[in-house]
Amino acid sequence: MGTADFFERPEPHSLIKSQIVSKYFKAWTDIMLSKTNRQRENRIAYVDLFSGPGRFERGEESTPLLILNQAIASPALCDRLVTVFNDANPAHADRLRREIAQLPGISKLTNEPQLTNTEVDPDLAAWLGNPRMVPTLFFFDPWGYKGLSLDLIGNAIKSWGCDCIFFFHFDSINRSMDIDSVSGLIDELFGKVRADELRRRVRGLEPELRKATILDELKHALKEVGGQHVLPFEFRSRHSDRTSHYVIFVTKDFLGFSIMRDIMFSLSSDDAEIRSLLYNPRKSPQLQLLVDFGSPHSRAQLKDILLDVCAGMSLTVQAAYEQSTIDTPYRLPNVKIAIKSLELEKESQVSVDPPAALRPTRKGEVTLANHLMVTFPPKKG
């Protein structure tokens, strides 16, 4: 399928991808508007370097128009938001320009959307490292992976308030690991030394272990360029039960990580208490049983993580949550249930101040406020 076909027939995963970006944009702008309100430079920005034409042929809006419509609906964003859209395909850039011009209320924006038509290359990646960058949400959604590089992502998140969401075409990258003609693109994405080592490590691995190895190395690479929190959302193929691609979120701030985790939870195709942060278009009861059976995440595991990570410490519920759930799908409600209900408090494995008997109840459940102190026992032995 070429890029033209892609924009003619939006797949469900394309619409979910747009929801991930637009939902996070709403939460991110609410925070950034409040934090930058009293600063001399109070602009914030949204940058999409692989924007596409803005609308699918059947009429559905893609990400650029969803973002701009949110901005138009917010007086604060109308005044302070800067938007930059780029697509190397001239036809896509021209059509997006026309689509934006036809949006009702587009004239409300103080800063007219900037549209460019250029290839994403190392020079552009270097430009993003400008230390004067205003708080910016970046979205990188290339067709394939040409133009996507570790430098691009690292420079995008370098400044305060800057987060990045990008498309990681796992299936294509996995098949290209040992193809000499695209080795340079793989090197740019992982870094040359890491890419060479990764090629050696994945040879002969069975598919699931190969996938885990590639994703783990990508996370390490992103953390080395400043991404303190990396959160992938997996998409399975509609043709077979294998991974097609990921949407990956990178941030330096735990609050952003926590917000995005809740968004990805809400869009996951499974309905478990601890969801796998994935979308499977071939969802069926049988596949759901397989997902649940093979999941590495559970209430019991979370209990063990809390007792290990927080051993010997007295922490607020919020602090215990932040320390114990990095790089996992566990959310704050999961942590609260683990503390209250998984024998931790009931059997005095932890103590909470005040204890359950002195805390209020809501809908028949004992509450556990974020600020309450929890004391964890030291590690045994």
Protein backbone atom coordinates (compact mmCIF):
# COMPACT_ATOMS: atom_id res chain seq x y z
CA MET A 1 0.00 0.00 0.00
CA GLY A 2 1.42 3.40 -0.99
CA THR A 3 0.92 6.71 0.78
CA ALA A 4 -1.90 7.70 -1.58
CA ASP A 5 -3.80 4.47 -0.75
CA PHE A 6 -3.17 5.00 2.94
CA PHE A 7 -4.92 8.36 2.90
CA GLU A 8 -7.80 7.00 0.81
CA ARG A 9 -8.78 4.26 3.26
CA PRO A 10 -8.19 5.03 6.93
CA GLU A 11 -7.68 1.85 8.90
CA PRO A 12 -8.96 1.72 12.50
CA HIS A 13 -5.36 1.88 13.74
CA SER A 14 -4.88 5.18 11.88
CA LEU A 15 -7.89 6.68 13.65
CA ILE A 16 -6.67 5.38 17.03
CA LYS A 17 -3.24 6.86 16.37
CA SER A 18 -4.86 10.23 15.74
CA GLN A 19 -6.85 9.88 18.97
CA ILE A 20 -3.68 9.18 20.95
CA VAL A 21 -2.10 12.38 19.63
CA SER A 22 -5.16 14.62 19.89
CA LYS A 23 -6.09 13.43 23.40
CA TYR A 24 -2.56 14.00 24.64
CA PHE A 25 -2.41 17.38 22.90
CA LYS A 26 -5.47 18.45 24.91
CA ALA A 27 -3.94 17.37 28.23
CA TRP A 28 -0.49 18.74 27.37
CA THR A 29 -1.78 22.15 26.29
CA ASP A 30 -3.87 22.49 29.49
CA ILE A 31 -0.70 21.97 31.55
CA MET A 32 1.58 24.12 29.39
CA LEU A 33 -0.88 27.01 29.26
CA SER A 34 -1.03 27.14 33.05
CA LYS A 35 2.73 26.76 33.54
CA THR A 36 3.75 29.37 30.95
CA ASN A 37 0.98 31.88 31.65
CA ARG A 38 3.19 34.30 33.60
CA GLN A 39 6.36 33.86 31.59
CA ARG A 40 7.61 36.51 29.19
CA GLU A 41 7.66 33.96 26.37
CA ASN A 42 4.29 32.31 26.72
CA ARG A 43 3.89 30.68 23.34
CA ILE A 44 3.65 26.91 22.97
CA ALA A 45 3.91 24.92 19.76
CA TYR A 46 2.81 21.80 17.90
CA VAL A 47 5.11 20.47 15.17
CA ASP A 48 4.21 17.68 12.72
CA LEU A 49 7.02 16.93 10.26
CA PHE A 50 5.20 14.19 8.28
CA SER A 51 1.72 15.68 8.24
CA GLY A 52 -0.01 14.19 5.19
CA PRO A 53 -2.93 15.90 3.40
CA GLY A 54 -5.04 16.48 6.53
CA ARG A 55 -8.06 14.46 5.56
CA PHE A 56 -8.76 10.95 4.32
CA GLU A 57 -10.61 10.57 1.03
CA ARG A 58 -13.75 9.43 2.81
CA GLY A 59 -13.82 12.67 4.76
CA GLU A 60 -12.32 11.73 8.14
CA GLU A 61 -10.00 14.36 9.55
CA SER A 62 -6.45 13.23 10.21
CA THR A 63 -4.23 14.58 12.95
CA PRO A 64 -3.42 18.11 11.63
CA LEU A 65 -7.08 19.11 11.39
CA LEU A 66 -7.96 17.49 14.72
CA ILE A 67 -5.23 19.56 16.38
CA LEU A 68 -6.22 22.80 14.69
CA ASN A 69 -9.91 22.35 15.54
CA GLN A 70 -8.95 21.95 19.20
CA ALA A 71 -6.94 25.16 18.97
CA ILE A 72 -9.78 27.06 17.31
CA ALA A 73 -12.14 26.00 20.11
CA SER A 74 -9.82 27.39 22.82
CA PRO A 75 -9.37 31.18 23.14
CA ALA A 76 -6.08 30.64 25.02
CA LEU A 77 -4.72 28.39 22.27
CA CYS A 78 -5.92 30.79 19.58
CA ASP A 79 -3.74 33.43 21.17
CA ARG A 80 -0.65 31.42 22.10
CA LEU A 81 -0.30 28.30 19.94
CA VAL A 82 2.21 28.10 17.08
CA THR A 83 1.72 25.22 14.62
CA VAL A 84 4.16 23.90 12.03
CA PHE A 85 3.19 21.25 9.46
CA ASN A 86 5.54 19.71 6.94
CA ASP A 87 5.26 17.03 4.29
CA ALA A 88 7.89 16.17 1.69
CA ASN A 89 5.14 15.24 -0.78
CA PRO A 90 4.14 18.48 -2.58
CA ALA A 91 0.63 17.18 -3.32
CA HIS A 92 0.03 16.41 0.35
CA ALA A 93 1.38 19.77 1.47
CA ASP A 94 -0.80 21.64 -1.06
CA ARG A 95 -3.92 19.76 -0.09
CA LEU A 96 -3.29 20.32 3.61
CA ARG A 97 -2.91 24.03 2.92
CA ARG A 98 -6.33 24.05 1.25
CA GLU A 99 -7.92 22.01 4.03
CA ILE A 100 -6.59 24.37 6.69
CA ALA A 101 -7.79 27.43 4.80
CA GLN A 102 -11.34 25.98 4.77
CA LEU A 103 -11.52 25.26 8.51
CA PRO A 104 -14.30 27.30 10.17
CA GLY A 105 -12.74 29.81 12.55
CA ILE A 106 -9.16 29.39 11.33
CA SER A 107 -8.77 33.18 11.28
CA LYS A 108 -9.10 33.18 15.09
CA LEU A 109 -5.53 31.90 15.39
CA THR A 110 -3.10 34.71 16.15
CA ASN A 111 -0.28 32.64 14.65
CA GLU A 112 -1.15 31.41 11.18
CA PRO A 113 -0.23 27.73 10.70
CA GLN A 114 3.17 27.37 9.02
CA LEU A 115 3.31 24.87 6.18
CA THR A 116 6.54 23.62 4.63
CA ASN A 117 7.44 21.07 2.00
CA THR A 118 10.87 19.62 2.72
CA GLU A 119 12.66 16.35 3.35
CA VAL A 120 13.37 15.59 7.00
CA ASP A 121 17.16 15.29 7.15
CA PRO A 122 20.07 15.66 9.64
CA ASP A 123 20.12 19.45 9.14
CA LEU A 124 16.51 19.71 10.27
CA ALA A 125 17.23 17.40 13.22
CA ALA A 126 20.10 19.68 14.24
CA TRP A 127 17.85 22.76 14.00
CA LEU A 128 15.48 21.22 16.51
CA GLY A 129 18.28 21.36 19.06
CA ASN A 130 17.88 25.13 19.25
CA PRO A 131 18.10 25.98 22.96
CA ARG A 132 15.41 28.66 22.55
CA MET A 133 12.70 26.17 21.61
CA VAL A 134 9.35 26.98 23.25
CA PRO A 135 7.43 24.12 24.88
CA THR A 136 6.51 21.95 21.91
CA LEU A 137 4.64 18.73 21.26
CA PHE A 138 6.22 16.91 18.31
CA PHE A 139 4.54 14.26 16.19
CA PHE A 140 6.65 12.25 13.74
CA ASP A 141 4.64 9.90 11.55
CA PRO A 142 6.74 8.96 8.51
CA TRP A 143 5.61 6.50 5.88
CA GLY A 144 8.02 3.71 6.74
CA TYR A 145 10.95 5.08 8.71
CA LYS A 146 12.94 7.30 6.36
CA GLY A 147 13.70 10.60 8.07
CA LEU A 148 13.19 9.25 11.58
CA SER A 149 16.42 9.38 13.56
CA LEU A 150 17.67 9.25 17.12
CA ASP A 151 19.08 12.77 16.73
CA LEU A 152 15.71 14.05 15.54
CA ILE A 153 13.89 12.65 18.58
CA GLY A 154 16.63 13.59 21.04
CA ASN A 155 16.77 17.20 19.83
CA ALA A 156 12.96 17.42 19.83
CA ILE A 157 12.72 16.64 23.56
CA LYS A 158 15.83 18.59 24.56
CA SER A 159 14.10 21.73 25.85
CA TRP A 160 11.75 22.12 28.80
CA GLY A 161 8.15 21.21 28.11
CA CYS A 162 8.93 19.32 24.89
CA ASP A 163 7.45 15.85 24.33
CA CYS A 164 7.50 13.59 21.29
CA ILE A 165 5.12 11.02 19.83
CA PHE A 166 6.40 9.00 16.89
CA PHE A 167 5.46 6.12 14.61
CA PHE A 168 7.77 3.10 14.83
CA HIS A 169 7.21 0.76 11.87
CA PHE A 170 8.33 -2.39 13.66
CA ASP A 171 7.42 -4.86 10.92
CA SER A 172 9.39 -2.98 8.27
CA ILE A 173 12.37 -2.31 10.56
CA ASN A 174 12.46 -5.93 11.72
CA ARG A 175 12.62 -7.17 8.13
CA SER A 176 15.27 -4.58 7.22
CA MET A 177 17.77 -5.26 9.99
CA ASP A 178 20.23 -7.08 7.68
CA ILE A 179 19.49 -5.33 4.38
CA ASP A 180 22.58 -3.37 3.35
CA SER A 181 20.68 -0.83 1.21
CA VAL A 182 18.84 0.56 4.24
CA SER A 183 21.49 -0.03 6.90
CA GLY A 184 22.12 3.73 7.13
CA LEU A 185 18.49 4.37 8.08
CA ILE A 186 18.62 1.71 10.80
CA ASP A 187 21.90 3.22 12.06
CA GLU A 188 20.28 6.67 12.30
CA LEU A 189 17.39 5.29 14.30
CA PHE A 190 19.38 3.30 16.86
CA GLY A 191 22.85 4.84 16.63
CA LYS A 192 25.59 3.05 14.63
CA VAL A 193 27.23 1.14 17.49
CA ARG A 194 23.92 0.00 18.98
CA ALA A 195 22.53 -0.92 15.55
CA ASP A 196 25.53 -3.14 14.75
CA GLU A 197 25.24 -4.88 18.12
CA LEU A 198 21.48 -5.26 17.67
CA ARG A 199 21.92 -6.93 14.28
CA ARG A 200 24.23 -9.45 15.89
CA ARG A 201 21.93 -10.11 18.85
CA VAL A 202 18.69 -10.70 16.94
CA ARG A 203 20.04 -13.20 14.42
CA GLY A 204 18.32 -16.52 14.99
CA LEU A 205 16.02 -15.32 17.77
CA GLU A 206 12.42 -16.52 17.76
CA PRO A 207 9.95 -13.76 16.78
CA GLU A 208 8.70 -12.68 20.22
CA LEU A 209 12.17 -12.51 21.72
CA ARG A 210 13.44 -10.69 18.64
CA LYS A 211 10.64 -8.14 18.99
CA ALA A 212 11.34 -7.64 22.70
CA THR A 213 15.06 -7.19 22.01
CA ILE A 214 14.53 -4.57 19.30
CA LEU A 215 12.04 -2.62 21.41
CA ASP A 216 14.25 -2.80 24.49
CA GLU A 217 17.25 -1.44 22.57
CA LEU A 218 15.13 1.38 21.18
CA LYS A 219 14.06 2.32 24.71
CA HIS A 220 17.69 2.38 25.87
CA ALA A 221 18.67 4.54 22.90
CA LEU A 222 15.87 7.02 23.60
CA LYS A 223 16.82 7.25 27.27
CA GLU A 224 20.42 8.00 26.32
CA VAL A 225 19.25 11.07 24.37
CA GLY A 226 17.14 12.38 27.25
CA GLY A 227 13.87 10.43 27.15
CA GLN A 228 13.46 9.59 30.82
CA HIS A 229 10.11 7.90 30.17
CA VAL A 230 9.31 5.83 27.06
CA LEU A 231 5.85 4.37 26.51
CA PRO A 232 4.99 2.17 23.48
CA PHE A 233 1.47 1.41 22.25
CA GLU A 234 1.44 -1.72 20.10
CA PHE A 235 -0.63 -2.32 16.97
CA ARG A 236 -1.17 -5.85 15.69
CA SER A 237 -1.58 -6.61 12.00
CA ARG A 238 -5.09 -6.99 10.64
CA HIS A 239 -3.87 -9.93 8.51
CA SER A 240 -2.19 -12.04 11.20
CA ASP A 241 -1.57 -11.99 14.95
CA ARG A 242 1.82 -10.30 14.78
CA THR A 243 3.06 -6.81 15.58
CA SER A 244 2.70 -4.28 12.79
CA HIS A 245 3.95 -1.09 14.43
CA TYR A 246 4.05 1.00 17.58
CA VAL A 247 3.18 4.55 18.50
CA ILE A 248 5.86 5.56 20.97
CA PHE A 249 5.73 8.42 23.45
CA VAL A 250 8.90 9.99 24.83
CA THR A 251 9.05 12.55 27.65
CA LYS A 252 11.28 13.80 30.45
CA ASP A 253 8.34 14.30 32.82
CA PHE A 254 6.51 11.63 34.82
CA LEU A 255 3.24 13.58 34.72
CA GLY A 256 3.20 13.43 30.92
CA PHE A 257 4.05 9.73 31.08
CA SER A 258 1.19 9.09 33.51
CA ILE A 259 -1.31 11.02 31.41
CA MET A 260 -0.32 9.21 28.22
CA ARG A 261 -0.52 5.85 29.98
CA ASP A 262 -4.13 6.60 30.94
CA ILE A 263 -4.91 7.62 27.34
CA MET A 264 -3.37 4.45 25.92
CA PHE A 265 -5.23 2.40 28.55
CA SER A 266 -8.53 3.89 27.36
CA LEU A 267 -7.78 3.02 23.73
CA SER A 268 -6.49 -0.53 24.26
CA SER A 269 -8.58 -3.23 22.59
CA ASP A 270 -8.43 -5.56 25.60
CA ASP A 271 -10.63 -4.91 28.60
CA ALA A 272 -8.49 -6.31 31.41
CA GLU A 273 -7.90 -4.41 34.65
CA ILE A 274 -4.21 -4.15 33.69
CA ARG A 275 -4.27 -3.65 29.96
CA SER A 276 -1.55 -4.53 27.49
CA LEU A 277 -1.53 -1.10 25.78
CA LEU A 278 -2.20 -2.54 22.36
CA TYR A 279 -4.78 -2.53 19.60
CA ASN A 280 -5.63 -5.82 17.91
CA PRO A 281 -8.07 -5.48 14.98
CA ARG A 282 -8.57 -9.27 15.06
CA LYS A 283 -9.79 -9.22 18.65
CA SER A 284 -11.71 -12.34 19.60
CA PRO A 285 -12.46 -14.21 22.85
CA GLN A 286 -9.80 -16.79 21.94
CA LEU A 287 -7.14 -14.15 21.25
CA GLN A 288 -8.07 -12.34 24.47
CA LEU A 289 -7.47 -15.52 26.46
CA LEU A 290 -4.04 -15.86 24.83
CA VAL A 291 -3.19 -12.24 25.63
CA ASP A 292 -4.25 -12.65 29.27
CA PHE A 293 -2.41 -15.95 29.63
CA GLY A 294 0.85 -14.61 28.22
CA SER A 295 0.78 -11.20 29.89
CA PRO A 296 3.84 -10.40 32.02
CA HIS A 297 1.78 -7.93 34.07
CA SER A 298 -0.57 -8.85 36.92
CA ARG A 299 -1.79 -7.76 40.35
CA ALA A 300 0.54 -10.25 41.99
CA GLN A 301 3.53 -8.94 40.05
CA LEU A 302 2.68 -5.36 40.97
CA LYS A 303 2.55 -6.31 44.65
CA ASP A 304 6.03 -7.81 44.37
CA ILE A 305 7.31 -4.73 42.53
CA LEU A 306 6.01 -2.41 45.25
CA LEU A 307 7.59 -4.48 48.01
CA ASP A 308 10.89 -4.58 46.13
CA VAL A 309 11.19 -1.01 44.82
CA CYS A 310 9.85 0.68 47.96
CA ALA A 311 11.42 -1.66 50.51
CA GLY A 312 12.31 0.02 53.81
CA MET A 313 10.85 3.39 52.81
CA SER A 314 7.96 5.56 53.94
CA LEU A 315 6.41 7.19 50.88
CA THR A 316 3.21 8.90 49.89
CA VAL A 317 0.91 6.83 47.71
CA GLN A 318 1.79 9.15 44.81
CA ALA A 319 5.54 8.72 45.35
CA ALA A 320 5.20 4.91 45.58
CA TYR A 321 3.26 5.00 42.32
CA GLU A 322 5.89 7.09 40.57
CA GLN A 323 8.81 5.00 41.77
CA SER A 324 7.32 1.59 41.06
CA THR A 325 5.57 1.94 37.69
CA ILE A 326 8.20 3.42 35.36
CA ASP A 327 8.27 1.53 32.03
CA THR A 328 5.20 -0.52 32.98
CA PRO A 329 1.47 -0.31 32.13
CA TYR A 330 0.49 -0.09 35.82
CA ARG A 331 -1.65 2.95 36.59
CA LEU A 332 -2.36 4.78 39.85
CA PRO A 333 -5.65 2.88 40.45
CA ASN A 334 -3.71 -0.41 40.11
CA VAL A 335 -1.21 0.71 42.77
CA LYS A 336 -3.98 1.76 45.14
CA ILE A 337 -5.70 -1.60 44.76
CA ALA A 338 -2.40 -3.40 45.36
CA ILE A 339 -1.81 -1.48 48.58
CA LYS A 340 -5.39 -1.82 49.88
CA SER A 341 -6.55 -5.17 48.63
CA LEU A 342 -3.66 -7.51 47.88
CA GLU A 343 -2.90 -8.41 51.48
CA LEU A 344 -0.33 -5.61 51.71
CA GLU A 345 -2.39 -3.56 54.14
CA LYS A 346 -4.85 -6.26 55.16
CA GLU A 347 -2.10 -8.57 56.43
CA SER A 348 0.12 -5.76 57.71
CA GLN A 349 2.78 -6.14 55.02
CA VAL A 350 2.59 -2.37 54.79
CA SER A 351 1.21 0.24 57.16
CA VAL A 352 -0.77 3.27 56.05
CA ASP A 353 -1.20 6.46 58.07
CA PRO A 354 -4.04 6.68 58.93
CA PRO A 355 -4.99 2.96 58.80
CA ALA A 356 -8.00 1.64 56.89
CA ALA A 357 -10.25 1.68 59.96
CA LEU A 358 -9.84 5.45 60.28
CA ARG A 359 -10.22 6.36 56.62
CA PRO A 360 -13.51 7.28 54.94
CA THR A 361 -15.28 4.94 52.56
CA ARG A 362 -16.72 5.71 49.15
CA LYS A 363 -19.15 3.40 47.37
CA GLY A 364 -18.38 0.75 49.96
CA GLU A 365 -14.61 0.93 49.44
CA VAL A 366 -12.02 2.32 51.85
CA THR A 367 -10.36 5.33 50.25
CA LEU A 368 -6.61 5.81 49.83
CA ALA A 369 -5.70 9.43 49.08
CA ASN A 370 -2.55 10.23 47.08
CA HIS A 371 -0.94 12.13 49.97
CA LEU A 372 -1.22 9.39 52.60
CA MET A 373 2.01 7.86 53.87
CA VAL A 374 2.72 4.17 53.30
CA THR A 375 5.56 2.41 55.13
CA PHE A 376 7.03 -0.60 53.37
CA PRO A 377 8.98 -3.33 55.18
CA PRO A 378 12.69 -3.84 54.52
CA LYS A 379 13.74 -6.59 52.16
CA LYS A 380 13.94 -10.00 53.76
CA GLY A 381 17.38 -11.44 54.23
